[in-house]
Amino acid sequence: MVHLCACVPAVVAAPAAAAGAGQVLEVLGLAEGLALGEMEQQLEPLLRLGAQLRRAGPQLLACFDSPAAAQGALLTAGLPFQLRPLPPTTISTSSELLLPPPPPPSSSS
């Protein structure tokens, strides 16, 4: 389980319960003591898949817009951490958004 130090800032406080069943994954096995920039770099694959990262106590949660997006993340190979689905009853209603997903690429015509 990831234990985030107090130095990791939260961007926005928001409830994780907004995500429905099958849309929240717990991030496990992320190295402890990472600087914020290092953590962002390791979590970049989740952000590209549309995850919103939230801290709920000692847990780091990746919240997706749909169960299909969460399933896609579970099937992604080569991640420097593990992902585990969480049943909706274990999700805290008090969580903090850590890193918003990156903006969609701009299409220049």
N, C-alpha and C. Protein backbone atom coordinates (compact mmCIF):
# COMPACT_ATOMS: atom_id res chain seq x y z
N MET A 1 0.85 -1.17 0.00
CA MET A 1 0.00 0.00 0.00
C MET A 1 0.89 1.23 0.00
N VAL A 2 0.48 2.25 -0.68
CA VAL A 2 1.24 3.49 -0.76
C VAL A 2 0.90 4.35 0.43
N HIS A 3 1.92 4.83 1.11
CA HIS A 3 1.71 5.79 2.20
C HIS A 3 2.30 7.10 1.73
N LEU A 4 1.46 8.05 1.44
CA LEU A 4 1.92 9.34 0.94
C LEU A 4 2.33 10.23 2.10
N CYS A 5 3.44 10.90 1.93
CA CYS A 5 3.89 11.80 2.99
C CYS A 5 3.04 13.06 2.97
N ALA A 6 3.09 13.79 4.04
CA ALA A 6 2.28 15.00 4.17
C ALA A 6 2.71 16.08 3.19
N CYS A 7 3.90 15.93 2.59
CA CYS A 7 4.39 16.96 1.68
C CYS A 7 3.72 16.88 0.31
N VAL A 8 2.96 15.81 0.04
CA VAL A 8 2.27 15.70 -1.25
C VAL A 8 1.03 16.56 -1.20
N PRO A 9 0.98 17.63 -1.97
CA PRO A 9 -0.17 18.53 -1.90
C PRO A 9 -1.39 17.95 -2.60
N ALA A 10 -2.53 18.34 -2.15
CA ALA A 10 -3.77 17.99 -2.84
C ALA A 10 -4.17 19.19 -3.67
N VAL A 11 -4.57 18.94 -4.90
CA VAL A 11 -4.96 20.03 -5.78
C VAL A 11 -6.36 20.50 -5.44
N VAL A 12 -7.29 19.57 -5.29
CA VAL A 12 -8.69 19.90 -5.01
C VAL A 12 -9.24 18.82 -4.10
N ALA A 13 -10.02 19.17 -3.12
CA ALA A 13 -10.69 18.18 -2.30
C ALA A 13 -12.02 17.84 -2.95
N ALA A 14 -12.27 16.53 -3.13
CA ALA A 14 -13.51 16.10 -3.77
C ALA A 14 -13.82 14.69 -3.33
N PRO A 15 -15.08 14.30 -3.29
CA PRO A 15 -15.43 12.95 -2.87
C PRO A 15 -15.12 11.92 -3.94
N ALA A 16 -14.54 10.80 -3.53
CA ALA A 16 -14.26 9.71 -4.46
C ALA A 16 -15.53 8.93 -4.76
N ALA A 17 -16.56 9.09 -3.95
CA ALA A 17 -17.79 8.35 -4.16
C ALA A 17 -18.48 8.76 -5.45
N ALA A 18 -18.04 9.84 -6.08
CA ALA A 18 -18.64 10.26 -7.34
C ALA A 18 -18.41 9.22 -8.42
N ALA A 19 -17.35 8.44 -8.30
CA ALA A 19 -17.10 7.37 -9.27
C ALA A 19 -17.92 6.16 -8.87
N GLY A 20 -18.47 5.49 -9.84
CA GLY A 20 -19.33 4.35 -9.58
C GLY A 20 -18.57 3.05 -9.44
N ALA A 21 -19.31 1.96 -9.31
CA ALA A 21 -18.74 0.63 -9.14
C ALA A 21 -17.83 0.27 -10.30
N GLY A 22 -16.69 -0.31 -9.99
CA GLY A 22 -15.77 -0.77 -11.02
C GLY A 22 -14.96 0.34 -11.66
N GLN A 23 -15.08 1.55 -11.18
CA GLN A 23 -14.38 2.66 -11.79
C GLN A 23 -13.22 3.17 -10.94
N VAL A 24 -13.00 2.56 -9.79
CA VAL A 24 -11.94 3.01 -8.89
C VAL A 24 -10.95 1.87 -8.68
N LEU A 25 -9.66 2.18 -8.86
CA LEU A 25 -8.60 1.21 -8.65
C LEU A 25 -7.65 1.75 -7.59
N GLU A 26 -7.15 0.87 -6.75
CA GLU A 26 -6.14 1.26 -5.78
C GLU A 26 -4.77 1.07 -6.41
N VAL A 27 -3.89 2.05 -6.22
CA VAL A 27 -2.52 1.97 -6.73
C VAL A 27 -1.65 1.40 -5.61
N LEU A 28 -0.97 0.28 -5.92
CA LEU A 28 -0.13 -0.41 -4.94
C LEU A 28 1.29 -0.52 -5.47
N GLY A 29 2.26 -0.58 -4.57
CA GLY A 29 3.64 -0.85 -4.96
C GLY A 29 4.40 0.34 -5.51
N LEU A 30 3.85 1.53 -5.37
CA LEU A 30 4.57 2.73 -5.79
C LEU A 30 5.66 2.99 -4.75
N ALA A 31 6.87 3.26 -5.21
CA ALA A 31 7.98 3.47 -4.28
C ALA A 31 7.66 4.60 -3.30
N GLU A 32 8.01 4.39 -2.05
CA GLU A 32 7.78 5.42 -1.04
C GLU A 32 8.88 6.47 -1.09
N GLY A 33 8.58 7.66 -0.63
CA GLY A 33 9.56 8.72 -0.55
C GLY A 33 9.85 9.41 -1.88
N LEU A 34 8.97 9.22 -2.86
CA LEU A 34 9.17 9.88 -4.16
C LEU A 34 8.88 11.37 -4.05
N ALA A 35 9.66 12.16 -4.75
CA ALA A 35 9.34 13.58 -4.88
C ALA A 35 8.10 13.69 -5.76
N LEU A 36 7.39 14.80 -5.66
CA LEU A 36 6.16 14.98 -6.42
C LEU A 36 6.39 14.79 -7.92
N GLY A 37 7.48 15.34 -8.45
CA GLY A 37 7.78 15.19 -9.88
C GLY A 37 8.01 13.74 -10.28
N GLU A 38 8.69 12.98 -9.41
CA GLU A 38 8.92 11.55 -9.69
C GLU A 38 7.61 10.78 -9.65
N MET A 39 6.75 11.12 -8.69
CA MET A 39 5.46 10.45 -8.59
C MET A 39 4.62 10.75 -9.83
N GLU A 40 4.60 12.01 -10.27
CA GLU A 40 3.85 12.37 -11.47
C GLU A 40 4.36 11.58 -12.67
N GLN A 41 5.68 11.44 -12.78
CA GLN A 41 6.26 10.71 -13.91
C GLN A 41 5.83 9.25 -13.88
N GLN A 42 5.87 8.61 -12.71
CA GLN A 42 5.48 7.20 -12.63
C GLN A 42 3.99 7.00 -12.86
N LEU A 43 3.18 7.98 -12.47
CA LEU A 43 1.72 7.85 -12.61
C LEU A 43 1.21 8.37 -13.95
N GLU A 44 2.07 8.91 -14.78
CA GLU A 44 1.69 9.46 -16.09
C GLU A 44 0.86 8.49 -16.93
N PRO A 45 1.18 7.18 -16.97
CA PRO A 45 0.34 6.27 -17.76
C PRO A 45 -1.12 6.27 -17.32
N LEU A 46 -1.37 6.38 -16.03
CA LEU A 46 -2.76 6.44 -15.55
C LEU A 46 -3.43 7.74 -15.96
N LEU A 47 -2.70 8.83 -15.89
CA LEU A 47 -3.26 10.12 -16.29
C LEU A 47 -3.61 10.13 -17.77
N ARG A 48 -2.77 9.52 -18.59
CA ARG A 48 -3.06 9.44 -20.03
C ARG A 48 -4.31 8.62 -20.31
N LEU A 49 -4.61 7.67 -19.43
CA LEU A 49 -5.82 6.85 -19.59
C LEU A 49 -7.05 7.55 -19.03
N GLY A 50 -6.88 8.77 -18.50
CA GLY A 50 -8.03 9.54 -18.01
C GLY A 50 -8.29 9.43 -16.53
N ALA A 51 -7.38 8.84 -15.78
CA ALA A 51 -7.59 8.68 -14.34
C ALA A 51 -7.46 10.02 -13.61
N GLN A 52 -8.26 10.16 -12.59
CA GLN A 52 -8.07 11.24 -11.62
C GLN A 52 -7.52 10.57 -10.38
N LEU A 53 -6.38 11.03 -9.90
CA LEU A 53 -5.74 10.41 -8.75
C LEU A 53 -6.19 11.10 -7.48
N ARG A 54 -6.60 10.28 -6.52
CA ARG A 54 -7.12 10.81 -5.26
C ARG A 54 -6.43 10.11 -4.10
N ARG A 55 -6.22 10.86 -3.05
CA ARG A 55 -5.67 10.29 -1.82
C ARG A 55 -6.84 10.16 -0.85
N ALA A 56 -7.03 8.96 -0.33
CA ALA A 56 -8.06 8.70 0.68
C ALA A 56 -7.35 8.04 1.86
N GLY A 57 -6.94 8.85 2.82
CA GLY A 57 -6.14 8.32 3.93
C GLY A 57 -4.83 7.81 3.37
N PRO A 58 -4.45 6.58 3.70
CA PRO A 58 -3.18 6.04 3.20
C PRO A 58 -3.29 5.48 1.78
N GLN A 59 -4.49 5.42 1.22
CA GLN A 59 -4.68 4.84 -0.10
C GLN A 59 -4.51 5.88 -1.20
N LEU A 60 -3.94 5.43 -2.32
CA LEU A 60 -3.89 6.23 -3.54
C LEU A 60 -4.86 5.57 -4.50
N LEU A 61 -5.88 6.31 -4.94
CA LEU A 61 -6.93 5.77 -5.79
C LEU A 61 -6.87 6.41 -7.17
N ALA A 62 -7.10 5.59 -8.19
CA ALA A 62 -7.22 6.06 -9.56
C ALA A 62 -8.69 5.93 -9.93
N CYS A 63 -9.36 7.06 -10.15
CA CYS A 63 -10.80 7.08 -10.45
C CYS A 63 -10.99 7.34 -11.94
N PHE A 64 -11.77 6.50 -12.58
CA PHE A 64 -12.01 6.58 -14.02
C PHE A 64 -13.46 6.94 -14.30
N ASP A 65 -13.71 7.46 -15.51
CA ASP A 65 -15.06 7.85 -15.92
C ASP A 65 -15.96 6.66 -16.19
N SER A 66 -15.38 5.49 -16.49
CA SER A 66 -16.19 4.33 -16.83
C SER A 66 -15.49 3.05 -16.38
N PRO A 67 -16.27 1.98 -16.18
CA PRO A 67 -15.66 0.69 -15.87
C PRO A 67 -14.73 0.21 -16.99
N ALA A 68 -15.07 0.53 -18.24
CA ALA A 68 -14.22 0.12 -19.37
C ALA A 68 -12.85 0.78 -19.30
N ALA A 69 -12.81 2.05 -18.91
CA ALA A 69 -11.53 2.75 -18.78
C ALA A 69 -10.70 2.14 -17.65
N ALA A 70 -11.34 1.81 -16.54
CA ALA A 70 -10.64 1.16 -15.43
C ALA A 70 -10.11 -0.20 -15.85
N GLN A 71 -10.92 -0.95 -16.60
CA GLN A 71 -10.49 -2.26 -17.09
C GLN A 71 -9.30 -2.12 -18.02
N GLY A 72 -9.31 -1.09 -18.86
CA GLY A 72 -8.18 -0.84 -19.75
C GLY A 72 -6.91 -0.58 -18.96
N ALA A 73 -7.02 0.14 -17.86
CA ALA A 73 -5.85 0.40 -17.01
C ALA A 73 -5.33 -0.89 -16.39
N LEU A 74 -6.26 -1.75 -15.96
CA LEU A 74 -5.85 -3.03 -15.37
C LEU A 74 -5.09 -3.89 -16.38
N LEU A 75 -5.41 -3.76 -17.65
CA LEU A 75 -4.78 -4.57 -18.69
C LEU A 75 -3.50 -3.95 -19.24
N THR A 76 -3.16 -2.75 -18.79
CA THR A 76 -1.95 -2.07 -19.27
C THR A 76 -0.72 -2.74 -18.70
N ALA A 77 0.19 -3.15 -19.58
CA ALA A 77 1.41 -3.84 -19.16
C ALA A 77 2.54 -2.84 -18.92
N GLY A 78 3.49 -3.23 -18.10
CA GLY A 78 4.70 -2.45 -17.91
C GLY A 78 4.59 -1.27 -16.96
N LEU A 79 3.56 -1.22 -16.15
CA LEU A 79 3.42 -0.12 -15.19
C LEU A 79 4.39 -0.34 -14.02
N PRO A 80 4.96 0.73 -13.45
CA PRO A 80 5.88 0.57 -12.33
C PRO A 80 5.17 0.40 -10.98
N PHE A 81 3.91 -0.02 -11.01
CA PHE A 81 3.10 -0.23 -9.81
C PHE A 81 2.01 -1.22 -10.16
N GLN A 82 1.24 -1.65 -9.17
CA GLN A 82 0.13 -2.56 -9.40
C GLN A 82 -1.18 -1.82 -9.17
N LEU A 83 -2.23 -2.35 -9.80
CA LEU A 83 -3.57 -1.78 -9.63
C LEU A 83 -4.50 -2.87 -9.11
N ARG A 84 -5.42 -2.49 -8.24
CA ARG A 84 -6.38 -3.44 -7.69
C ARG A 84 -7.75 -2.78 -7.66
N PRO A 85 -8.78 -3.46 -8.20
CA PRO A 85 -10.14 -2.90 -8.14
C PRO A 85 -10.62 -2.81 -6.70
N LEU A 86 -11.37 -1.77 -6.41
CA LEU A 86 -11.97 -1.60 -5.09
C LEU A 86 -13.48 -1.67 -5.21
N PRO A 87 -14.13 -2.42 -4.34
CA PRO A 87 -15.59 -2.35 -4.32
C PRO A 87 -16.02 -0.97 -3.84
N PRO A 88 -17.15 -0.44 -4.33
CA PRO A 88 -17.55 0.92 -3.98
C PRO A 88 -17.76 1.13 -2.49
N THR A 89 -18.06 0.09 -1.73
CA THR A 89 -18.31 0.27 -0.30
C THR A 89 -17.03 0.57 0.47
N THR A 90 -15.85 0.31 -0.12
CA THR A 90 -14.60 0.56 0.59
C THR A 90 -14.03 1.93 0.27
N ILE A 91 -14.68 2.69 -0.59
CA ILE A 91 -14.18 3.99 -0.99
C ILE A 91 -14.63 5.04 0.01
N SER A 92 -13.70 5.78 0.51
CA SER A 92 -14.00 6.85 1.46
C SER A 92 -14.69 8.00 0.73
N THR A 93 -15.61 8.64 1.42
CA THR A 93 -16.24 9.82 0.82
C THR A 93 -15.41 11.06 1.05
N SER A 94 -14.31 10.91 1.76
CA SER A 94 -13.41 12.04 2.00
C SER A 94 -12.07 11.73 1.34
N SER A 95 -11.84 12.30 0.18
CA SER A 95 -10.59 12.07 -0.53
C SER A 95 -10.14 13.37 -1.15
N GLU A 96 -8.88 13.39 -1.56
CA GLU A 96 -8.30 14.60 -2.13
C GLU A 96 -7.77 14.29 -3.51
N LEU A 97 -8.11 15.12 -4.49
CA LEU A 97 -7.62 14.98 -5.84
C LEU A 97 -6.15 15.37 -5.86
N LEU A 98 -5.29 14.48 -6.38
CA LEU A 98 -3.87 14.77 -6.42
C LEU A 98 -3.44 15.35 -7.75
N LEU A 99 -3.70 14.63 -8.82
CA LEU A 99 -3.25 15.06 -10.14
C LEU A 99 -4.41 14.96 -11.11
N PRO A 100 -4.83 16.03 -11.72
CA PRO A 100 -5.90 15.94 -12.71
C PRO A 100 -5.37 15.28 -13.98
N PRO A 101 -6.26 14.68 -14.78
CA PRO A 101 -5.79 14.10 -16.04
C PRO A 101 -5.26 15.20 -16.95
N PRO A 102 -4.32 14.85 -17.83
CA PRO A 102 -3.79 15.87 -18.73
C PRO A 102 -4.86 16.33 -19.70
N PRO A 103 -4.76 17.55 -20.21
CA PRO A 103 -5.75 18.02 -21.18
C PRO A 103 -5.63 17.21 -22.46
N PRO A 104 -6.73 17.06 -23.20
CA PRO A 104 -6.67 16.31 -24.46
C PRO A 104 -5.74 17.02 -25.43
N PRO A 105 -5.07 16.24 -26.28
CA PRO A 105 -4.16 16.87 -27.25
C PRO A 105 -4.95 17.79 -28.18
N SER A 106 -4.37 18.94 -28.46
CA SER A 106 -5.04 19.88 -29.36
C SER A 106 -4.84 19.42 -30.79
N SER A 107 -5.90 19.48 -31.54
CA SER A 107 -5.81 19.07 -32.95
C SER A 107 -5.70 20.33 -33.80
N SER A 108 -4.59 20.43 -34.48
CA SER A 108 -4.42 21.59 -35.36
C SER A 108 -4.67 21.16 -36.79
N SER A 109 -5.56 21.86 -37.44
CA SER A 109 -5.94 21.51 -38.80
C SER A 109 -5.20 22.35 -39.80
